[in-house]
């Protein structure tokens, strides 16, 4: 039986055998969360939902972390999210 609290399978079943937190603990909050949602993509929630969550954190990082915003980048993401 898997440990759903400390080591849930959607974070531990990567082919590399590396657990997601081993990577994300070295990143800032937004980048770590984006990696987390890509890592578990389709294993916990739908692929579409997981990708949208990852994009949300990346957009937040761009808007609040990096400072330089490219409007065409956001238009592209908006078009992707329409699927």
Protein backbone atom coordinates (compact mmCIF):
# COMPACT_ATOMS: atom_id res chain seq x y z
CA UNK A 1 0.00 0.00 0.00
CA UNK A 2 1.36 3.43 -0.90
CA UNK A 3 1.78 6.24 1.60
CA UNK A 4 -0.80 8.77 0.38
CA UNK A 5 0.29 11.42 2.89
CA UNK A 6 4.08 11.40 2.72
CA UNK A 7 4.73 9.86 -0.70
CA UNK A 8 1.62 9.93 -2.92
CA UNK A 9 2.01 7.89 -6.10
CA UNK A 10 1.36 10.85 -8.42
CA UNK A 11 4.65 12.31 -7.12
CA UNK A 12 6.68 9.11 -6.82
CA UNK A 13 5.92 7.11 -9.97
CA UNK A 14 8.15 9.09 -12.34
CA UNK A 15 10.29 6.80 -14.57
CA UNK A 16 13.44 8.37 -13.08
CA UNK A 17 12.39 7.08 -9.62
CA UNK A 18 13.02 10.59 -8.29
CA UNK A 19 10.28 11.99 -6.09
CA UNK A 20 9.00 15.40 -7.21
CA UNK A 21 9.78 17.13 -3.91
CA UNK A 22 13.47 16.25 -4.30
CA UNK A 23 13.51 18.74 -7.18
CA UNK A 24 10.92 21.33 -6.15
CA UNK A 25 12.35 21.98 -2.68
CA UNK A 26 15.28 23.69 -4.44
CA UNK A 27 13.06 26.10 -6.40
CA UNK A 28 11.03 29.15 -5.47
CA UNK A 29 7.30 28.75 -4.83
CA UNK A 30 5.92 29.49 -8.30
CA UNK A 31 8.52 27.55 -10.25
CA UNK A 32 8.27 24.62 -7.86
CA UNK A 33 4.50 24.48 -8.21
CA UNK A 34 4.71 24.67 -12.01
CA UNK A 35 7.11 21.71 -11.98
CA UNK A 36 4.85 19.86 -9.54
CA UNK A 37 1.83 20.14 -11.83
CA UNK A 38 3.85 19.10 -14.88
CA UNK A 39 5.37 16.20 -12.95
CA UNK A 40 2.01 14.73 -11.95
CA UNK A 41 0.25 15.75 -15.17
CA UNK A 42 -2.66 13.38 -15.78
CA UNK A 43 -1.92 11.27 -12.70
CA UNK A 44 -4.08 13.16 -10.20
CA UNK A 45 -6.33 15.49 -12.20
CA UNK A 46 -6.96 15.79 -15.93
CA UNK A 47 -4.04 16.69 -18.17
CA UNK A 48 -5.81 19.89 -19.21
CA UNK A 49 -6.36 20.97 -15.60
CA UNK A 50 -2.79 20.19 -14.56
CA UNK A 51 -1.37 22.14 -17.53
CA UNK A 52 -3.60 25.12 -16.74
CA UNK A 53 -2.37 25.09 -13.14
CA UNK A 54 1.27 25.00 -14.29
CA UNK A 55 0.63 27.91 -16.66
CA UNK A 56 -1.03 29.87 -13.85
CA UNK A 57 2.07 29.59 -11.67
CA UNK A 58 4.38 30.46 -14.57
CA UNK A 59 2.27 33.51 -15.40
CA UNK A 60 2.33 34.55 -11.73
CA UNK A 61 6.11 34.20 -11.73
CA UNK A 62 6.36 36.40 -14.82
CA UNK A 63 3.92 39.01 -13.48
CA UNK A 64 5.23 39.17 -9.93
CA UNK A 65 8.72 37.73 -10.01
CA UNK A 66 10.50 38.62 -13.21
CA UNK A 67 8.78 41.91 -13.95
CA UNK A 68 9.07 41.82 -17.76
CA UNK A 69 5.72 40.96 -19.29
CA UNK A 70 5.27 40.10 -22.94
CA UNK A 71 1.65 40.60 -23.99
CA UNK A 72 1.93 38.17 -26.91
CA UNK A 73 2.97 35.47 -24.44
CA UNK A 74 -0.25 35.93 -22.47
CA UNK A 75 -2.37 36.03 -25.62
CA UNK A 76 -0.78 32.71 -26.64
CA UNK A 77 -1.61 31.18 -23.24
CA UNK A 78 -5.15 32.47 -23.42
CA UNK A 79 -5.59 30.78 -26.79
CA UNK A 80 -4.19 27.52 -25.40
CA UNK A 81 -6.60 27.61 -22.46
CA UNK A 82 -9.58 27.86 -24.82
CA UNK A 83 -9.22 24.20 -25.85
